[in-house]
Amino acid sequence: MPVQRADARRNYALLLTVAKDAIAEYGPDASLEQMARTAGVGSATLRRHFPSRQALLEAVFRDQVETLCGRARELTAAPDARAALLEWLGALTSAAATIRGLAIALTRERAARDGAAAEEACCSAQLTEAADPLVRRAADAGALTPGVTTDDLLTLVTGIALASEHHPDPAAEAERLLRLTIAGVSPPQR
């Protein structure tokens, strides 16, 4: 891979900073043209670094997704499979509810993946891969209703985040809705 010039690295960093701010304020449909203008570069420069809106969204959310994936890997070794999965779902729900645009980006990725081939490095694919061992362990321990998949849980969390987006306290509302969801995907108490 060729080494990027210093000005290209600066432009990338600047565009990413501007994009994070714009998406936090306006959501994932923030104007790409306005981002380029705010960064003081042309739209071709933005497109060179981020060939699609999805590529830009992935870059904006990369740190958060990597943190969530790392936490899933850490929790895989936890002794209580149910508690580990619930802790991770709580972290994911909180992130999706409070990081503006993340839930919509995940929804779009999932639709692209279901309808056609999505990029390998997409956020939802990374989250699915990281969470699969947690879900398998919880299922093997009898802590999940049979048939519940990682995909199901990610879809539920995304829906919760979208449903609580305009609530005065989105994180608290998302947590409340997650508790209701957990009761629905948990096996009946014996």
N, C-alpha and C. Protein backbone atom coordinates (compact mmCIF):
# COMPACT_ATOMS: atom_id res chain seq x y z
N MET A 1 0.85 -1.17 0.00
CA MET A 1 0.00 0.00 0.00
C MET A 1 0.90 1.24 0.00
N PRO A 2 0.67 2.18 -0.91
CA PRO A 2 1.52 3.36 -0.98
C PRO A 2 1.31 4.25 0.25
N VAL A 3 2.38 4.95 0.61
CA VAL A 3 2.32 5.87 1.73
C VAL A 3 1.56 7.13 1.30
N GLN A 4 0.65 7.59 2.14
CA GLN A 4 -0.12 8.79 1.83
C GLN A 4 0.73 10.03 2.07
N ARG A 5 0.53 11.01 1.22
CA ARG A 5 1.22 12.29 1.41
C ARG A 5 0.69 12.94 2.68
N ALA A 6 1.49 13.84 3.24
CA ALA A 6 1.11 14.52 4.48
C ALA A 6 -0.18 15.32 4.30
N ASP A 7 -0.34 15.99 3.17
CA ASP A 7 -1.56 16.78 2.97
C ASP A 7 -2.78 15.88 2.84
N ALA A 8 -2.61 14.70 2.26
CA ALA A 8 -3.73 13.76 2.14
C ALA A 8 -4.13 13.25 3.53
N ARG A 9 -3.14 12.96 4.38
CA ARG A 9 -3.44 12.52 5.75
C ARG A 9 -4.15 13.62 6.53
N ARG A 10 -3.70 14.86 6.36
CA ARG A 10 -4.34 16.00 7.04
C ARG A 10 -5.79 16.16 6.55
N ASN A 11 -5.98 16.07 5.23
CA ASN A 11 -7.33 16.19 4.68
C ASN A 11 -8.25 15.10 5.21
N TYR A 12 -7.75 13.89 5.28
CA TYR A 12 -8.53 12.76 5.80
C TYR A 12 -8.95 13.05 7.24
N ALA A 13 -7.99 13.42 8.07
CA ALA A 13 -8.27 13.69 9.48
C ALA A 13 -9.26 14.84 9.63
N LEU A 14 -9.07 15.90 8.84
CA LEU A 14 -9.97 17.05 8.90
C LEU A 14 -11.38 16.66 8.45
N LEU A 15 -11.47 15.94 7.35
CA LEU A 15 -12.78 15.50 6.86
C LEU A 15 -13.48 14.61 7.88
N LEU A 16 -12.74 13.74 8.52
CA LEU A 16 -13.33 12.85 9.52
C LEU A 16 -13.85 13.65 10.72
N THR A 17 -13.09 14.63 11.16
CA THR A 17 -13.53 15.49 12.27
C THR A 17 -14.78 16.26 11.89
N VAL A 18 -14.79 16.86 10.71
CA VAL A 18 -15.95 17.61 10.24
C VAL A 18 -17.16 16.67 10.11
N ALA A 19 -16.94 15.48 9.57
CA ALA A 19 -18.03 14.53 9.40
C ALA A 19 -18.62 14.10 10.74
N LYS A 20 -17.76 13.85 11.73
CA LYS A 20 -18.26 13.47 13.06
C LYS A 20 -19.16 14.56 13.62
N ASP A 21 -18.73 15.81 13.50
CA ASP A 21 -19.53 16.93 14.00
C ASP A 21 -20.85 17.05 13.23
N ALA A 22 -20.78 16.95 11.90
CA ALA A 22 -21.98 17.10 11.08
C ALA A 22 -22.98 15.98 11.35
N ILE A 23 -22.50 14.76 11.48
CA ILE A 23 -23.40 13.63 11.73
C ILE A 23 -23.99 13.71 13.13
N ALA A 24 -23.20 14.19 14.10
CA ALA A 24 -23.74 14.37 15.45
C ALA A 24 -24.85 15.40 15.46
N GLU A 25 -24.72 16.44 14.61
CA GLU A 25 -25.73 17.49 14.58
C GLU A 25 -26.91 17.17 13.69
N TYR A 26 -26.64 16.62 12.49
CA TYR A 26 -27.69 16.45 11.48
C TYR A 26 -28.06 15.00 11.20
N GLY A 27 -27.34 14.05 11.77
CA GLY A 27 -27.60 12.65 11.51
C GLY A 27 -26.84 12.14 10.30
N PRO A 28 -27.06 10.89 9.94
CA PRO A 28 -26.26 10.25 8.88
C PRO A 28 -26.53 10.78 7.48
N ASP A 29 -27.56 11.59 7.31
CA ASP A 29 -27.85 12.15 5.99
C ASP A 29 -27.29 13.57 5.84
N ALA A 30 -26.39 13.96 6.74
CA ALA A 30 -25.77 15.28 6.65
C ALA A 30 -25.16 15.46 5.26
N SER A 31 -25.17 16.68 4.79
CA SER A 31 -24.70 16.99 3.44
C SER A 31 -23.20 16.74 3.28
N LEU A 32 -22.87 15.89 2.33
CA LEU A 32 -21.46 15.64 2.02
C LEU A 32 -20.81 16.88 1.44
N GLU A 33 -21.54 17.60 0.62
CA GLU A 33 -21.01 18.83 0.01
C GLU A 33 -20.68 19.86 1.09
N GLN A 34 -21.58 19.98 2.08
CA GLN A 34 -21.33 20.93 3.17
C GLN A 34 -20.12 20.50 3.99
N MET A 35 -19.96 19.21 4.19
CA MET A 35 -18.79 18.71 4.92
C MET A 35 -17.51 19.11 4.20
N ALA A 36 -17.49 18.92 2.88
CA ALA A 36 -16.31 19.27 2.10
C ALA A 36 -16.03 20.77 2.22
N ARG A 37 -17.08 21.59 2.08
CA ARG A 37 -16.90 23.05 2.20
C ARG A 37 -16.37 23.44 3.57
N THR A 38 -16.94 22.85 4.62
CA THR A 38 -16.52 23.16 5.98
C THR A 38 -15.05 22.78 6.19
N ALA A 39 -14.64 21.68 5.58
CA ALA A 39 -13.24 21.24 5.70
C ALA A 39 -12.31 22.03 4.80
N GLY A 40 -12.89 22.82 3.89
CA GLY A 40 -12.06 23.62 2.99
C GLY A 40 -11.43 22.82 1.86
N VAL A 41 -12.12 21.75 1.47
CA VAL A 41 -11.64 20.92 0.36
C VAL A 41 -12.76 20.76 -0.66
N GLY A 42 -12.44 20.27 -1.82
CA GLY A 42 -13.44 20.02 -2.84
C GLY A 42 -14.15 18.70 -2.61
N SER A 43 -15.30 18.56 -3.23
CA SER A 43 -16.06 17.32 -3.07
C SER A 43 -15.30 16.12 -3.64
N ALA A 44 -14.45 16.35 -4.65
CA ALA A 44 -13.65 15.25 -5.20
C ALA A 44 -12.66 14.72 -4.15
N THR A 45 -12.13 15.62 -3.33
CA THR A 45 -11.21 15.19 -2.26
C THR A 45 -11.97 14.34 -1.25
N LEU A 46 -13.17 14.78 -0.89
CA LEU A 46 -13.99 13.99 0.03
C LEU A 46 -14.25 12.61 -0.56
N ARG A 47 -14.64 12.56 -1.83
CA ARG A 47 -14.95 11.27 -2.48
C ARG A 47 -13.72 10.39 -2.65
N ARG A 48 -12.56 11.00 -2.79
CA ARG A 48 -11.33 10.21 -2.90
C ARG A 48 -11.08 9.46 -1.58
N HIS A 49 -11.32 10.15 -0.47
CA HIS A 49 -11.12 9.52 0.84
C HIS A 49 -12.28 8.62 1.24
N PHE A 50 -13.49 9.02 0.88
CA PHE A 50 -14.70 8.29 1.26
C PHE A 50 -15.56 8.13 0.01
N PRO A 51 -15.39 7.05 -0.75
CA PRO A 51 -16.07 6.89 -2.03
C PRO A 51 -17.60 6.79 -1.93
N SER A 52 -18.11 6.51 -0.74
CA SER A 52 -19.56 6.44 -0.56
C SER A 52 -19.92 6.99 0.81
N ARG A 53 -21.18 7.32 0.97
CA ARG A 53 -21.67 7.78 2.29
C ARG A 53 -21.43 6.68 3.32
N GLN A 54 -21.66 5.42 2.92
CA GLN A 54 -21.47 4.31 3.85
C GLN A 54 -20.01 4.22 4.31
N ALA A 55 -19.07 4.45 3.40
CA ALA A 55 -17.65 4.43 3.78
C ALA A 55 -17.34 5.53 4.79
N LEU A 56 -17.95 6.68 4.61
CA LEU A 56 -17.76 7.79 5.55
C LEU A 56 -18.36 7.43 6.91
N LEU A 57 -19.58 6.89 6.91
CA LEU A 57 -20.21 6.51 8.17
C LEU A 57 -19.40 5.45 8.91
N GLU A 58 -18.87 4.49 8.17
CA GLU A 58 -18.04 3.46 8.80
C GLU A 58 -16.82 4.08 9.45
N ALA A 59 -16.19 5.03 8.78
CA ALA A 59 -15.02 5.69 9.35
C ALA A 59 -15.39 6.49 10.59
N VAL A 60 -16.53 7.18 10.55
CA VAL A 60 -16.97 7.98 11.69
C VAL A 60 -17.23 7.09 12.91
N PHE A 61 -17.83 5.93 12.70
CA PHE A 61 -18.21 5.07 13.81
C PHE A 61 -17.17 3.99 14.14
N ARG A 62 -16.07 3.96 13.42
CA ARG A 62 -15.07 2.90 13.57
C ARG A 62 -14.60 2.75 15.02
N ASP A 63 -14.23 3.83 15.68
CA ASP A 63 -13.71 3.73 17.05
C ASP A 63 -14.75 3.14 17.99
N GLN A 64 -15.99 3.61 17.89
CA GLN A 64 -17.03 3.10 18.77
C GLN A 64 -17.29 1.61 18.51
N VAL A 65 -17.32 1.23 17.24
CA VAL A 65 -17.57 -0.16 16.89
C VAL A 65 -16.41 -1.04 17.36
N GLU A 66 -15.18 -0.57 17.19
CA GLU A 66 -14.03 -1.35 17.65
C GLU A 66 -14.05 -1.52 19.17
N THR A 67 -14.46 -0.48 19.88
CA THR A 67 -14.58 -0.58 21.33
C THR A 67 -15.62 -1.63 21.72
N LEU A 68 -16.78 -1.59 21.05
CA LEU A 68 -17.83 -2.57 21.33
C LEU A 68 -17.38 -3.99 20.99
N CYS A 69 -16.68 -4.14 19.91
CA CYS A 69 -16.17 -5.47 19.52
C CYS A 69 -15.14 -5.97 20.54
N GLY A 70 -14.26 -5.08 20.97
CA GLY A 70 -13.28 -5.45 21.98
C GLY A 70 -13.94 -5.89 23.28
N ARG A 71 -14.98 -5.16 23.68
CA ARG A 71 -15.70 -5.52 24.90
C ARG A 71 -16.37 -6.88 24.76
N ALA A 72 -16.92 -7.17 23.59
CA ALA A 72 -17.53 -8.49 23.36
C ALA A 72 -16.48 -9.59 23.50
N ARG A 73 -15.30 -9.35 22.94
CA ARG A 73 -14.24 -10.37 23.05
C ARG A 73 -13.82 -10.58 24.50
N GLU A 74 -13.73 -9.49 25.26
CA GLU A 74 -13.37 -9.61 26.68
C GLU A 74 -14.43 -10.41 27.44
N LEU A 75 -15.68 -10.14 27.17
CA LEU A 75 -16.77 -10.78 27.91
C LEU A 75 -16.96 -12.25 27.54
N THR A 76 -16.40 -12.68 26.42
CA THR A 76 -16.54 -14.07 26.00
C THR A 76 -15.99 -15.03 27.06
N ALA A 77 -15.01 -14.58 27.82
CA ALA A 77 -14.41 -15.44 28.85
C ALA A 77 -15.08 -15.30 30.22
N ALA A 78 -16.08 -14.45 30.33
CA ALA A 78 -16.75 -14.24 31.63
C ALA A 78 -17.43 -15.54 32.06
N PRO A 79 -17.45 -15.82 33.35
CA PRO A 79 -18.03 -17.08 33.82
C PRO A 79 -19.54 -17.20 33.61
N ASP A 80 -20.27 -16.10 33.69
CA ASP A 80 -21.72 -16.13 33.53
C ASP A 80 -22.08 -15.68 32.12
N ALA A 81 -22.44 -16.63 31.27
CA ALA A 81 -22.70 -16.34 29.86
C ALA A 81 -23.87 -15.37 29.69
N ARG A 82 -24.92 -15.53 30.47
CA ARG A 82 -26.08 -14.63 30.38
C ARG A 82 -25.70 -13.21 30.78
N ALA A 83 -25.03 -13.06 31.91
CA ALA A 83 -24.63 -11.73 32.38
C ALA A 83 -23.69 -11.06 31.37
N ALA A 84 -22.80 -11.84 30.77
CA ALA A 84 -21.86 -11.29 29.79
C ALA A 84 -22.61 -10.76 28.57
N LEU A 85 -23.54 -11.55 28.06
CA LEU A 85 -24.32 -11.11 26.90
C LEU A 85 -25.15 -9.88 27.24
N LEU A 86 -25.79 -9.88 28.39
CA LEU A 86 -26.61 -8.74 28.78
C LEU A 86 -25.78 -7.48 28.97
N GLU A 87 -24.59 -7.62 29.53
CA GLU A 87 -23.71 -6.45 29.69
C GLU A 87 -23.35 -5.87 28.33
N TRP A 88 -23.02 -6.75 27.38
CA TRP A 88 -22.63 -6.28 26.06
C TRP A 88 -23.82 -5.66 25.32
N LEU A 89 -24.99 -6.28 25.43
CA LEU A 89 -26.18 -5.71 24.80
C LEU A 89 -26.49 -4.34 25.39
N GLY A 90 -26.29 -4.18 26.69
CA GLY A 90 -26.49 -2.88 27.32
C GLY A 90 -25.54 -1.84 26.77
N ALA A 91 -24.27 -2.20 26.60
CA ALA A 91 -23.27 -1.26 26.05
C ALA A 91 -23.62 -0.90 24.61
N LEU A 92 -24.02 -1.89 23.82
CA LEU A 92 -24.39 -1.64 22.43
C LEU A 92 -25.62 -0.75 22.35
N THR A 93 -26.61 -1.03 23.18
CA THR A 93 -27.84 -0.23 23.18
C THR A 93 -27.55 1.21 23.56
N SER A 94 -26.73 1.39 24.58
CA SER A 94 -26.38 2.74 25.02
C SER A 94 -25.65 3.49 23.90
N ALA A 95 -24.71 2.84 23.25
CA ALA A 95 -23.97 3.48 22.15
C ALA A 95 -24.91 3.83 21.00
N ALA A 96 -25.74 2.88 20.62
CA ALA A 96 -26.65 3.11 19.48
C ALA A 96 -27.67 4.21 19.79
N ALA A 97 -28.06 4.33 21.05
CA ALA A 97 -29.06 5.34 21.42
C ALA A 97 -28.46 6.73 21.58
N THR A 98 -27.18 6.81 21.91
CA THR A 98 -26.59 8.11 22.22
C THR A 98 -25.65 8.65 21.15
N ILE A 99 -25.18 7.80 20.26
CA ILE A 99 -24.29 8.26 19.19
C ILE A 99 -25.16 8.48 17.96
N ARG A 100 -25.48 9.73 17.71
CA ARG A 100 -26.43 10.06 16.64
C ARG A 100 -25.97 9.49 15.31
N GLY A 101 -26.87 8.79 14.66
CA GLY A 101 -26.61 8.24 13.34
C GLY A 101 -26.16 6.79 13.33
N LEU A 102 -25.67 6.28 14.46
CA LEU A 102 -25.16 4.91 14.47
C LEU A 102 -26.27 3.90 14.17
N ALA A 103 -27.41 4.04 14.80
CA ALA A 103 -28.50 3.08 14.57
C ALA A 103 -28.97 3.10 13.12
N ILE A 104 -29.08 4.28 12.53
CA ILE A 104 -29.51 4.37 11.13
C ILE A 104 -28.44 3.76 10.22
N ALA A 105 -27.18 4.02 10.53
CA ALA A 105 -26.10 3.44 9.72
C ALA A 105 -26.15 1.92 9.78
N LEU A 106 -26.39 1.37 10.97
CA LEU A 106 -26.48 -0.09 11.10
C LEU A 106 -27.67 -0.64 10.33
N THR A 107 -28.78 0.08 10.38
CA THR A 107 -29.98 -0.34 9.64
C THR A 107 -29.70 -0.39 8.15
N ARG A 108 -29.05 0.63 7.64
CA ARG A 108 -28.74 0.68 6.20
C ARG A 108 -27.77 -0.42 5.81
N GLU A 109 -26.78 -0.67 6.66
CA GLU A 109 -25.82 -1.74 6.36
C GLU A 109 -26.52 -3.08 6.31
N ARG A 110 -27.40 -3.31 7.25
CA ARG A 110 -28.09 -4.59 7.30
C ARG A 110 -28.96 -4.76 6.07
N ALA A 111 -29.62 -3.70 5.64
CA ALA A 111 -30.45 -3.77 4.44
C ALA A 111 -29.59 -4.04 3.21
N ALA A 112 -28.44 -3.39 3.13
CA ALA A 112 -27.53 -3.62 2.00
C ALA A 112 -27.02 -5.05 2.01
N ARG A 113 -26.69 -5.53 3.20
CA ARG A 113 -26.18 -6.90 3.32
C ARG A 113 -27.25 -7.90 2.96
N ASP A 114 -28.49 -7.64 3.36
CA ASP A 114 -29.58 -8.57 3.06
C ASP A 114 -29.96 -8.53 1.58
N GLY A 115 -29.85 -7.34 0.95
CA GLY A 115 -30.27 -7.19 -0.43
C GLY A 115 -29.18 -7.45 -1.44
N ALA A 116 -27.96 -7.18 -1.08
CA ALA A 116 -26.83 -7.34 -1.98
C ALA A 116 -25.57 -7.45 -1.14
N ALA A 117 -24.47 -7.69 -1.76
CA ALA A 117 -23.20 -7.82 -1.03
C ALA A 117 -22.80 -6.48 -0.44
N ALA A 118 -22.50 -6.47 0.84
CA ALA A 118 -22.01 -5.26 1.50
C ALA A 118 -20.50 -5.36 1.64
N GLU A 119 -19.89 -4.24 1.95
CA GLU A 119 -18.45 -4.24 2.13
C GLU A 119 -18.08 -5.13 3.31
N GLU A 120 -16.91 -5.76 3.22
CA GLU A 120 -16.45 -6.68 4.26
C GLU A 120 -16.32 -6.01 5.63
N ALA A 121 -15.87 -4.78 5.66
CA ALA A 121 -15.53 -4.14 6.93
C ALA A 121 -16.68 -3.36 7.54
N CYS A 122 -17.91 -3.64 7.16
CA CYS A 122 -19.01 -2.83 7.67
C CYS A 122 -19.22 -3.06 9.16
N CYS A 123 -19.77 -2.06 9.80
CA CYS A 123 -19.95 -2.07 11.26
C CYS A 123 -20.80 -3.24 11.72
N SER A 124 -21.93 -3.49 11.08
CA SER A 124 -22.81 -4.55 11.56
C SER A 124 -22.16 -5.92 11.42
N ALA A 125 -21.38 -6.13 10.37
CA ALA A 125 -20.67 -7.40 10.22
C ALA A 125 -19.64 -7.58 11.32
N GLN A 126 -18.94 -6.51 11.68
CA GLN A 126 -17.96 -6.59 12.76
C GLN A 126 -18.65 -6.88 14.09
N LEU A 127 -19.75 -6.22 14.33
CA LEU A 127 -20.48 -6.44 15.58
C LEU A 127 -21.04 -7.85 15.65
N THR A 128 -21.55 -8.35 14.54
CA THR A 128 -22.08 -9.71 14.50
C THR A 128 -20.97 -10.71 14.81
N GLU A 129 -19.85 -10.55 14.16
CA GLU A 129 -18.72 -11.47 14.37
C GLU A 129 -18.26 -11.45 15.82
N ALA A 130 -18.20 -10.27 16.42
CA ALA A 130 -17.74 -10.14 17.80
C ALA A 130 -18.75 -10.72 18.78
N ALA A 131 -20.04 -10.56 18.50
CA ALA A 131 -21.09 -10.98 19.42
C ALA A 131 -21.45 -12.46 19.29
N ASP A 132 -21.18 -13.06 18.15
CA ASP A 132 -21.57 -14.47 17.93
C ASP A 132 -21.13 -15.40 19.07
N PRO A 133 -19.87 -15.32 19.54
CA PRO A 133 -19.48 -16.21 20.65
C PRO A 133 -20.28 -15.97 21.93
N LEU A 134 -20.61 -14.71 22.22
CA LEU A 134 -21.43 -14.41 23.39
C LEU A 134 -22.81 -15.03 23.26
N VAL A 135 -23.40 -14.90 22.10
CA VAL A 135 -24.74 -15.44 21.87
C VAL A 135 -24.71 -16.96 21.93
N ARG A 136 -23.70 -17.58 21.31
CA ARG A 136 -23.59 -19.05 21.35
C ARG A 136 -23.46 -19.56 22.78
N ARG A 137 -22.60 -18.89 23.57
CA ARG A 137 -22.40 -19.30 24.96
C ARG A 137 -23.71 -19.18 25.75
N ALA A 138 -24.42 -18.06 25.55
CA ALA A 138 -25.68 -17.86 26.27
C ALA A 138 -26.71 -18.90 25.84
N ALA A 139 -26.76 -19.20 24.56
CA ALA A 139 -27.69 -20.21 24.06
C ALA A 139 -27.34 -21.59 24.62
N ASP A 140 -26.05 -21.93 24.61
CA ASP A 140 -25.61 -23.22 25.15
C ASP A 140 -25.92 -23.36 26.64
N ALA A 141 -25.91 -22.23 27.34
CA ALA A 141 -26.19 -22.24 28.78
C ALA A 141 -27.69 -22.21 29.07
N GLY A 142 -28.52 -22.16 28.02
CA GLY A 142 -29.96 -22.11 28.20
C GLY A 142 -30.47 -20.73 28.60
N ALA A 143 -29.66 -19.70 28.37
CA ALA A 143 -30.02 -18.34 28.78
C ALA A 143 -30.71 -17.54 27.68
N LEU A 144 -30.94 -18.16 26.53
CA LEU A 144 -31.64 -17.52 25.42
C LEU A 144 -32.73 -18.46 24.94
N THR A 145 -33.82 -17.89 24.50
CA THR A 145 -34.86 -18.69 23.89
C THR A 145 -34.27 -19.37 22.65
N PRO A 146 -34.52 -20.65 22.46
CA PRO A 146 -33.97 -21.34 21.28
C PRO A 146 -34.33 -20.61 19.99
N GLY A 147 -33.35 -20.52 19.11
CA GLY A 147 -33.57 -19.89 17.81
C GLY A 147 -33.20 -18.42 17.75
N VAL A 148 -32.99 -17.76 18.89
CA VAL A 148 -32.59 -16.35 18.88
C VAL A 148 -31.16 -16.26 18.36
N THR A 149 -30.95 -15.40 17.38
CA THR A 149 -29.63 -15.25 16.75
C THR A 149 -29.01 -13.90 17.09
N THR A 150 -27.74 -13.79 16.80
CA THR A 150 -27.04 -12.52 16.95
C THR A 150 -27.72 -11.46 16.09
N ASP A 151 -28.08 -11.83 14.89
CA ASP A 151 -28.76 -10.91 13.98
C ASP A 151 -30.07 -10.41 14.58
N ASP A 152 -30.81 -11.30 15.22
CA ASP A 152 -32.06 -10.91 15.88
C ASP A 152 -31.78 -9.85 16.95
N LEU A 153 -30.77 -10.09 17.76
CA LEU A 153 -30.45 -9.18 18.86
C LEU A 153 -29.98 -7.82 18.34
N LEU A 154 -29.15 -7.83 17.29
CA LEU A 154 -28.70 -6.56 16.71
C LEU A 154 -29.88 -5.79 16.11
N THR A 155 -30.80 -6.50 15.50
CA THR A 155 -31.99 -5.85 14.95
C THR A 155 -32.83 -5.23 16.06
N LEU A 156 -33.01 -5.96 17.15
CA LEU A 156 -33.77 -5.43 18.28
C LEU A 156 -33.10 -4.20 18.89
N VAL A 157 -31.79 -4.26 19.07
CA VAL A 157 -31.07 -3.11 19.64
C VAL A 157 -31.17 -1.90 18.71
N THR A 158 -31.05 -2.13 17.42
CA THR A 158 -31.17 -1.03 16.46
C THR A 158 -32.57 -0.42 16.54
N GLY A 159 -33.58 -1.26 16.61
CA GLY A 159 -34.95 -0.76 16.73
C GLY A 159 -35.16 0.03 18.01
N ILE A 160 -34.60 -0.46 19.10
CA ILE A 160 -34.70 0.25 20.38
C ILE A 160 -34.05 1.63 20.27
N ALA A 161 -32.87 1.68 19.68
CA ALA A 161 -32.16 2.96 19.53
C ALA A 161 -32.96 3.93 18.67
N LEU A 162 -33.53 3.44 17.59
CA LEU A 162 -34.32 4.31 16.72
C LEU A 162 -35.60 4.77 17.43
N ALA A 163 -36.21 3.88 18.20
CA ALA A 163 -37.44 4.23 18.90
C ALA A 163 -37.21 5.25 20.01
N SER A 164 -36.02 5.26 20.58
CA SER A 164 -35.75 6.17 21.70
C SER A 164 -35.00 7.43 21.28
N GLU A 165 -34.71 7.56 19.99
CA GLU A 165 -33.88 8.65 19.48
C GLU A 165 -34.38 10.04 19.87
N HIS A 166 -35.68 10.26 19.84
CA HIS A 166 -36.22 11.59 20.11
C HIS A 166 -36.78 11.73 21.54
N HIS A 167 -36.54 10.75 22.36
CA HIS A 167 -36.96 10.80 23.76
C HIS A 167 -36.08 11.81 24.49
N PRO A 168 -36.60 12.50 25.51
CA PRO A 168 -35.78 13.46 26.25
C PRO A 168 -34.51 12.85 26.86
N ASP A 169 -34.57 11.58 27.25
CA ASP A 169 -33.40 10.88 27.77
C ASP A 169 -33.27 9.57 27.00
N PRO A 170 -32.66 9.63 25.80
CA PRO A 170 -32.63 8.43 24.95
C PRO A 170 -31.94 7.24 25.59
N ALA A 171 -30.88 7.48 26.36
CA ALA A 171 -30.16 6.35 26.97
C ALA A 171 -31.04 5.64 27.99
N ALA A 172 -31.75 6.39 28.83
CA ALA A 172 -32.62 5.78 29.84
C ALA A 172 -33.78 5.04 29.18
N GLU A 173 -34.37 5.65 28.17
CA GLU A 173 -35.48 5.00 27.48
C GLU A 173 -35.00 3.74 26.76
N ALA A 174 -33.83 3.79 26.15
CA ALA A 174 -33.29 2.61 25.47
C ALA A 174 -33.01 1.49 26.46
N GLU A 175 -32.49 1.85 27.62
CA GLU A 175 -32.25 0.84 28.66
C GLU A 175 -33.56 0.19 29.12
N ARG A 176 -34.59 1.00 29.31
CA ARG A 176 -35.91 0.47 29.71
C ARG A 176 -36.45 -0.48 28.65
N LEU A 177 -36.37 -0.07 27.39
CA LEU A 177 -36.86 -0.92 26.30
C LEU A 177 -36.02 -2.19 26.16
N LEU A 178 -34.73 -2.09 26.42
CA LEU A 178 -33.88 -3.29 26.36
C LEU A 178 -34.31 -4.28 27.44
N ARG A 179 -34.60 -3.80 28.65
CA ARG A 179 -35.06 -4.71 29.72
C ARG A 179 -36.34 -5.45 29.29
N LEU A 180 -37.26 -4.71 28.65
CA LEU A 180 -38.48 -5.35 28.16
C LEU A 180 -38.16 -6.40 27.10
N THR A 181 -37.23 -6.07 26.22
CA THR A 181 -36.84 -7.00 25.15
C THR A 181 -36.18 -8.24 25.73
N ILE A 182 -35.31 -8.05 26.72
CA ILE A 182 -34.63 -9.19 27.32
C ILE A 182 -35.64 -10.16 27.92
N ALA A 183 -36.67 -9.63 28.54
CA ALA A 183 -37.71 -10.49 29.09
C ALA A 183 -38.36 -11.31 27.97
N GLY A 184 -38.47 -10.72 26.79
CA GLY A 184 -39.10 -11.41 25.67
C GLY A 184 -38.24 -12.47 25.02
N VAL A 185 -36.89 -12.31 25.07
CA VAL A 185 -36.02 -13.30 24.42
C VAL A 185 -35.44 -14.30 25.43
N SER A 186 -35.77 -14.13 26.69
CA SER A 186 -35.29 -15.06 27.71
C SER A 186 -36.20 -16.28 27.77
N PRO A 187 -35.62 -17.43 28.05
CA PRO A 187 -36.47 -18.62 28.17
C PRO A 187 -37.37 -18.50 29.39
N PRO A 188 -38.50 -19.19 29.37
CA PRO A 188 -39.40 -19.15 30.52
C PRO A 188 -38.67 -19.64 31.79
N GLN A 189 -38.98 -19.01 32.92
CA GLN A 189 -38.38 -19.43 34.19
C GLN A 189 -38.98 -20.76 34.61
N ARG A 190 -38.16 -21.61 35.15
CA ARG A 190 -38.62 -22.93 35.56
C ARG A 190 -39.00 -22.96 37.00
